[in-house]
Amino acid sequence: MNWLIKINGLYDILCALTMLDFLDIPMLNGLHESLFNSQQNEVTKRMFAYWIFTYGVMRLQDDIQLLRFSYIIEAFFLLHEYNKGSMIRYRVYFCIYSCGLITFLIPTL
């Protein structure tokens, strides 16, 4: 399970760097932005990228509680944004359920 979380952290970091135009990875372009209902302005896009980068870095750590916390925070705030009407239902629900599943699969201390 540990390698899956590390890969997910690296994926998040690469997605964030692609969103910030530091990298050009065509496969990752627009992936996270596609969660939103409508096109976001540049500041919103950058803030979302910084947030993704932050929890990507958290997922490269070996602290189990920090890992759990990163997935709980992601699920909570994605659900909040969905409830505010800014996210596409079927796309954001996949992320929320994935975060919940990974949270419960992380081994306990």
N, C-alpha and C. Protein backbone atom coordinates (compact mmCIF):
# COMPACT_ATOMS: atom_id res chain seq x y z
N MET A 1 0.82 -1.20 0.00
CA MET A 1 0.00 0.00 0.00
C MET A 1 0.87 1.26 0.00
N ASN A 2 2.01 1.18 0.66
CA ASN A 2 2.89 2.34 0.78
C ASN A 2 3.33 2.84 -0.60
N TRP A 3 3.68 1.96 -1.50
CA TRP A 3 4.13 2.36 -2.84
C TRP A 3 3.00 3.04 -3.61
N LEU A 4 1.75 2.60 -3.41
CA LEU A 4 0.61 3.21 -4.09
C LEU A 4 0.44 4.67 -3.65
N ILE A 5 0.60 4.91 -2.36
CA ILE A 5 0.47 6.26 -1.83
C ILE A 5 1.60 7.15 -2.34
N LYS A 6 2.81 6.60 -2.40
CA LYS A 6 3.96 7.38 -2.91
C LYS A 6 3.75 7.73 -4.39
N ILE A 7 3.24 6.78 -5.16
CA ILE A 7 2.95 7.04 -6.57
C ILE A 7 1.87 8.11 -6.69
N ASN A 8 0.85 8.03 -5.83
CA ASN A 8 -0.21 9.02 -5.84
C ASN A 8 0.34 10.40 -5.49
N GLY A 9 1.25 10.47 -4.53
CA GLY A 9 1.88 11.74 -4.16
C GLY A 9 2.68 12.32 -5.31
N LEU A 10 3.46 11.47 -5.98
CA LEU A 10 4.24 11.92 -7.13
C LEU A 10 3.31 12.39 -8.26
N TYR A 11 2.24 11.64 -8.48
CA TYR A 11 1.23 12.01 -9.49
C TYR A 11 0.65 13.40 -9.18
N ASP A 12 0.29 13.62 -7.90
CA ASP A 12 -0.27 14.91 -7.51
C ASP A 12 0.72 16.05 -7.75
N ILE A 13 1.98 15.82 -7.40
CA ILE A 13 3.01 16.84 -7.62
C ILE A 13 3.17 17.14 -9.10
N LEU A 14 3.22 16.10 -9.93
CA LEU A 14 3.36 16.31 -11.38
C LEU A 14 2.15 17.03 -11.95
N CYS A 15 0.95 16.67 -11.49
CA CYS A 15 -0.26 17.37 -11.95
C CYS A 15 -0.21 18.84 -11.57
N ALA A 16 0.21 19.12 -10.34
CA ALA A 16 0.28 20.51 -9.88
C ALA A 16 1.30 21.30 -10.70
N LEU A 17 2.45 20.72 -10.94
CA LEU A 17 3.47 21.41 -11.73
C LEU A 17 3.03 21.62 -13.17
N THR A 18 2.23 20.70 -13.70
CA THR A 18 1.66 20.86 -15.04
C THR A 18 0.64 22.00 -15.04
N MET A 19 -0.21 22.06 -14.00
CA MET A 19 -1.20 23.13 -13.91
C MET A 19 -0.53 24.50 -13.79
N LEU A 20 0.63 24.54 -13.15
CA LEU A 20 1.36 25.80 -12.96
C LEU A 20 2.27 26.13 -14.13
N ASP A 21 2.24 25.30 -15.17
CA ASP A 21 3.04 25.48 -16.38
C ASP A 21 4.54 25.37 -16.14
N PHE A 22 4.95 24.65 -15.09
CA PHE A 22 6.36 24.33 -14.89
C PHE A 22 6.75 23.14 -15.75
N LEU A 23 5.81 22.25 -15.97
CA LEU A 23 6.02 21.06 -16.80
C LEU A 23 4.95 21.01 -17.88
N ASP A 24 5.24 20.32 -18.94
CA ASP A 24 4.24 20.09 -19.99
C ASP A 24 4.12 18.59 -20.18
N ILE A 25 3.13 18.03 -19.51
CA ILE A 25 2.85 16.60 -19.63
C ILE A 25 1.43 16.48 -20.20
N PRO A 26 1.31 16.28 -21.51
CA PRO A 26 0.00 16.30 -22.15
C PRO A 26 -1.04 15.38 -21.49
N MET A 27 -0.60 14.24 -21.00
CA MET A 27 -1.52 13.29 -20.37
C MET A 27 -2.15 13.87 -19.09
N LEU A 28 -1.47 14.80 -18.45
CA LEU A 28 -1.96 15.37 -17.19
C LEU A 28 -2.62 16.73 -17.36
N ASN A 29 -2.48 17.34 -18.53
CA ASN A 29 -3.08 18.66 -18.77
C ASN A 29 -4.59 18.62 -18.58
N GLY A 30 -5.08 19.49 -17.72
CA GLY A 30 -6.52 19.64 -17.55
C GLY A 30 -7.20 18.57 -16.73
N LEU A 31 -6.45 17.62 -16.20
CA LEU A 31 -7.06 16.50 -15.48
C LEU A 31 -7.79 16.97 -14.22
N HIS A 32 -7.13 17.71 -13.36
CA HIS A 32 -7.76 18.18 -12.13
C HIS A 32 -8.77 19.30 -12.40
N GLU A 33 -8.46 20.13 -13.38
CA GLU A 33 -9.39 21.22 -13.70
C GLU A 33 -10.72 20.69 -14.20
N SER A 34 -10.73 19.48 -14.75
CA SER A 34 -11.96 18.91 -15.30
C SER A 34 -12.96 18.54 -14.20
N LEU A 35 -12.57 18.65 -12.94
CA LEU A 35 -13.50 18.41 -11.84
C LEU A 35 -14.51 19.55 -11.70
N PHE A 36 -14.14 20.75 -12.16
CA PHE A 36 -14.98 21.93 -11.99
C PHE A 36 -16.08 22.00 -13.05
N ASN A 37 -17.21 22.61 -12.66
CA ASN A 37 -18.34 22.78 -13.57
C ASN A 37 -18.04 23.75 -14.70
N SER A 38 -17.37 24.82 -14.40
CA SER A 38 -17.07 25.80 -15.44
C SER A 38 -15.61 26.19 -15.35
N GLN A 39 -15.17 26.90 -16.35
CA GLN A 39 -13.77 27.30 -16.40
C GLN A 39 -13.47 28.24 -15.23
N GLN A 40 -12.39 27.94 -14.54
CA GLN A 40 -11.97 28.75 -13.39
C GLN A 40 -11.00 29.83 -13.85
N ASN A 41 -10.92 30.91 -13.09
CA ASN A 41 -9.94 31.94 -13.43
C ASN A 41 -8.54 31.46 -13.07
N GLU A 42 -7.55 32.19 -13.52
CA GLU A 42 -6.15 31.77 -13.33
C GLU A 42 -5.74 31.69 -11.87
N VAL A 43 -6.22 32.60 -11.04
CA VAL A 43 -5.85 32.58 -9.63
C VAL A 43 -6.42 31.33 -8.96
N THR A 44 -7.67 31.01 -9.24
CA THR A 44 -8.29 29.81 -8.68
C THR A 44 -7.53 28.57 -9.13
N LYS A 45 -7.17 28.52 -10.39
CA LYS A 45 -6.42 27.39 -10.93
C LYS A 45 -5.07 27.24 -10.22
N ARG A 46 -4.37 28.34 -10.03
CA ARG A 46 -3.07 28.28 -9.35
C ARG A 46 -3.22 27.87 -7.90
N MET A 47 -4.21 28.41 -7.20
CA MET A 47 -4.42 28.04 -5.79
C MET A 47 -4.75 26.55 -5.67
N PHE A 48 -5.55 26.04 -6.58
CA PHE A 48 -5.88 24.61 -6.60
C PHE A 48 -4.60 23.80 -6.84
N ALA A 49 -3.75 24.27 -7.73
CA ALA A 49 -2.48 23.57 -8.01
C ALA A 49 -1.57 23.58 -6.79
N TYR A 50 -1.50 24.70 -6.08
CA TYR A 50 -0.67 24.76 -4.87
C TYR A 50 -1.18 23.78 -3.82
N TRP A 51 -2.49 23.70 -3.69
CA TRP A 51 -3.11 22.78 -2.73
C TRP A 51 -2.79 21.33 -3.12
N ILE A 52 -2.92 20.99 -4.39
CA ILE A 52 -2.60 19.65 -4.87
C ILE A 52 -1.13 19.33 -4.62
N PHE A 53 -0.26 20.29 -4.88
CA PHE A 53 1.17 20.11 -4.64
C PHE A 53 1.42 19.82 -3.16
N THR A 54 0.76 20.57 -2.28
CA THR A 54 0.96 20.41 -0.84
C THR A 54 0.58 19.02 -0.38
N TYR A 55 -0.60 18.52 -0.75
CA TYR A 55 -0.93 17.19 -0.27
C TYR A 55 -0.17 16.11 -1.03
N GLY A 56 0.36 16.41 -2.20
CA GLY A 56 1.25 15.47 -2.88
C GLY A 56 2.54 15.28 -2.09
N VAL A 57 3.09 16.39 -1.59
CA VAL A 57 4.30 16.33 -0.76
C VAL A 57 4.00 15.58 0.54
N MET A 58 2.84 15.81 1.13
CA MET A 58 2.46 15.10 2.36
C MET A 58 2.46 13.60 2.13
N ARG A 59 2.06 13.18 0.95
CA ARG A 59 1.95 11.75 0.65
C ARG A 59 3.29 11.07 0.38
N LEU A 60 4.33 11.85 0.28
CA LEU A 60 5.66 11.27 0.13
C LEU A 60 6.31 11.00 1.49
N GLN A 61 5.64 11.42 2.56
CA GLN A 61 6.15 11.21 3.92
C GLN A 61 5.78 9.80 4.41
N ASP A 62 6.40 9.39 5.50
CA ASP A 62 6.13 8.07 6.06
C ASP A 62 5.27 8.11 7.31
N ASP A 63 4.69 9.26 7.61
CA ASP A 63 3.84 9.42 8.79
C ASP A 63 2.41 8.98 8.44
N ILE A 64 1.99 7.86 9.01
CA ILE A 64 0.68 7.29 8.67
C ILE A 64 -0.47 8.24 8.99
N GLN A 65 -0.39 8.92 10.12
CA GLN A 65 -1.46 9.85 10.49
C GLN A 65 -1.52 11.03 9.51
N LEU A 66 -0.36 11.50 9.09
CA LEU A 66 -0.31 12.59 8.11
C LEU A 66 -0.91 12.13 6.77
N LEU A 67 -0.61 10.89 6.37
CA LEU A 67 -1.17 10.35 5.13
C LEU A 67 -2.69 10.28 5.21
N ARG A 68 -3.19 9.73 6.31
CA ARG A 68 -4.64 9.66 6.48
C ARG A 68 -5.27 11.05 6.43
N PHE A 69 -4.64 11.96 7.15
CA PHE A 69 -5.14 13.33 7.22
C PHE A 69 -5.21 13.96 5.83
N SER A 70 -4.20 13.71 4.98
CA SER A 70 -4.18 14.29 3.64
C SER A 70 -5.37 13.81 2.81
N TYR A 71 -5.71 12.53 2.93
CA TYR A 71 -6.84 12.00 2.17
C TYR A 71 -8.19 12.46 2.74
N ILE A 72 -8.27 12.57 4.06
CA ILE A 72 -9.51 13.06 4.68
C ILE A 72 -9.76 14.51 4.28
N ILE A 73 -8.70 15.33 4.33
CA ILE A 73 -8.84 16.75 3.94
C ILE A 73 -9.26 16.86 2.48
N GLU A 74 -8.63 16.09 1.61
CA GLU A 74 -8.98 16.15 0.20
C GLU A 74 -10.45 15.78 -0.01
N ALA A 75 -10.88 14.69 0.59
CA ALA A 75 -12.27 14.25 0.43
C ALA A 75 -13.25 15.29 0.99
N PHE A 76 -12.95 15.81 2.17
CA PHE A 76 -13.84 16.79 2.81
C PHE A 76 -14.01 18.03 1.95
N PHE A 77 -12.91 18.59 1.48
CA PHE A 77 -13.02 19.84 0.72
C PHE A 77 -13.55 19.64 -0.70
N LEU A 78 -13.30 18.49 -1.30
CA LEU A 78 -13.92 18.22 -2.60
C LEU A 78 -15.43 18.09 -2.43
N LEU A 79 -15.86 17.43 -1.36
CA LEU A 79 -17.30 17.32 -1.09
C LEU A 79 -17.90 18.70 -0.82
N HIS A 80 -17.18 19.52 -0.09
CA HIS A 80 -17.65 20.88 0.19
C HIS A 80 -17.82 21.67 -1.12
N GLU A 81 -16.83 21.60 -1.99
CA GLU A 81 -16.92 22.31 -3.27
C GLU A 81 -18.06 21.75 -4.13
N TYR A 82 -18.26 20.45 -4.08
CA TYR A 82 -19.38 19.87 -4.81
C TYR A 82 -20.70 20.45 -4.28
N ASN A 83 -20.82 20.50 -2.94
CA ASN A 83 -22.04 21.04 -2.33
C ASN A 83 -22.24 22.52 -2.65
N LYS A 84 -21.16 23.23 -2.93
CA LYS A 84 -21.25 24.64 -3.34
C LYS A 84 -21.61 24.78 -4.81
N GLY A 85 -21.63 23.65 -5.53
CA GLY A 85 -22.03 23.67 -6.93
C GLY A 85 -20.90 23.91 -7.92
N SER A 86 -19.66 23.83 -7.46
CA SER A 86 -18.56 24.15 -8.37
C SER A 86 -17.92 22.91 -9.01
N MET A 87 -18.32 21.71 -8.59
CA MET A 87 -17.68 20.50 -9.10
C MET A 87 -18.70 19.59 -9.80
N ILE A 88 -18.19 18.81 -10.74
CA ILE A 88 -19.03 17.87 -11.50
C ILE A 88 -19.21 16.60 -10.68
N ARG A 89 -20.44 16.19 -10.50
CA ARG A 89 -20.80 15.12 -9.58
C ARG A 89 -20.03 13.82 -9.79
N TYR A 90 -20.13 13.21 -10.96
CA TYR A 90 -19.53 11.89 -11.14
C TYR A 90 -18.01 11.93 -11.08
N ARG A 91 -17.41 13.04 -11.45
CA ARG A 91 -15.95 13.15 -11.40
C ARG A 91 -15.47 13.33 -9.97
N VAL A 92 -16.12 14.21 -9.22
CA VAL A 92 -15.67 14.48 -7.87
C VAL A 92 -16.02 13.32 -6.93
N TYR A 93 -17.13 12.64 -7.17
CA TYR A 93 -17.46 11.48 -6.32
C TYR A 93 -16.42 10.39 -6.46
N PHE A 94 -15.88 10.18 -7.64
CA PHE A 94 -14.82 9.19 -7.81
C PHE A 94 -13.63 9.53 -6.91
N CYS A 95 -13.24 10.80 -6.89
CA CYS A 95 -12.11 11.23 -6.05
C CYS A 95 -12.43 11.10 -4.57
N ILE A 96 -13.63 11.47 -4.18
CA ILE A 96 -14.03 11.39 -2.77
C ILE A 96 -14.03 9.94 -2.31
N TYR A 97 -14.64 9.05 -3.08
CA TYR A 97 -14.67 7.64 -2.70
C TYR A 97 -13.27 7.03 -2.68
N SER A 98 -12.43 7.42 -3.63
CA SER A 98 -11.05 6.92 -3.66
C SER A 98 -10.29 7.35 -2.41
N CYS A 99 -10.46 8.61 -2.02
CA CYS A 99 -9.80 9.11 -0.81
C CYS A 99 -10.28 8.34 0.42
N GLY A 100 -11.58 8.10 0.50
CA GLY A 100 -12.12 7.36 1.63
C GLY A 100 -11.59 5.94 1.68
N LEU A 101 -11.55 5.28 0.55
CA LEU A 101 -11.05 3.91 0.49
C LEU A 101 -9.58 3.84 0.89
N ILE A 102 -8.77 4.73 0.35
CA ILE A 102 -7.34 4.74 0.68
C ILE A 102 -7.14 5.04 2.16
N THR A 103 -7.93 5.96 2.71
CA THR A 103 -7.83 6.29 4.14
C THR A 103 -8.01 5.05 5.00
N PHE A 104 -8.99 4.22 4.66
CA PHE A 104 -9.25 3.03 5.47
C PHE A 104 -8.28 1.89 5.17
N LEU A 105 -7.62 1.93 4.03
CA LEU A 105 -6.66 0.87 3.68
C LEU A 105 -5.26 1.15 4.23
N ILE A 106 -4.99 2.38 4.62
CA ILE A 106 -3.68 2.71 5.19
C ILE A 106 -3.53 1.93 6.48
N PRO A 107 -2.46 1.17 6.61
CA PRO A 107 -2.26 0.37 7.83
C PRO A 107 -2.23 1.24 9.09
N THR A 108 -2.71 0.70 10.17
CA THR A 108 -2.70 1.43 11.44
C THR A 108 -1.34 1.29 12.10
N LEU A 109 -1.05 2.24 12.98
CA LEU A 109 0.23 2.21 13.71
C LEU A 109 0.24 1.14 14.77
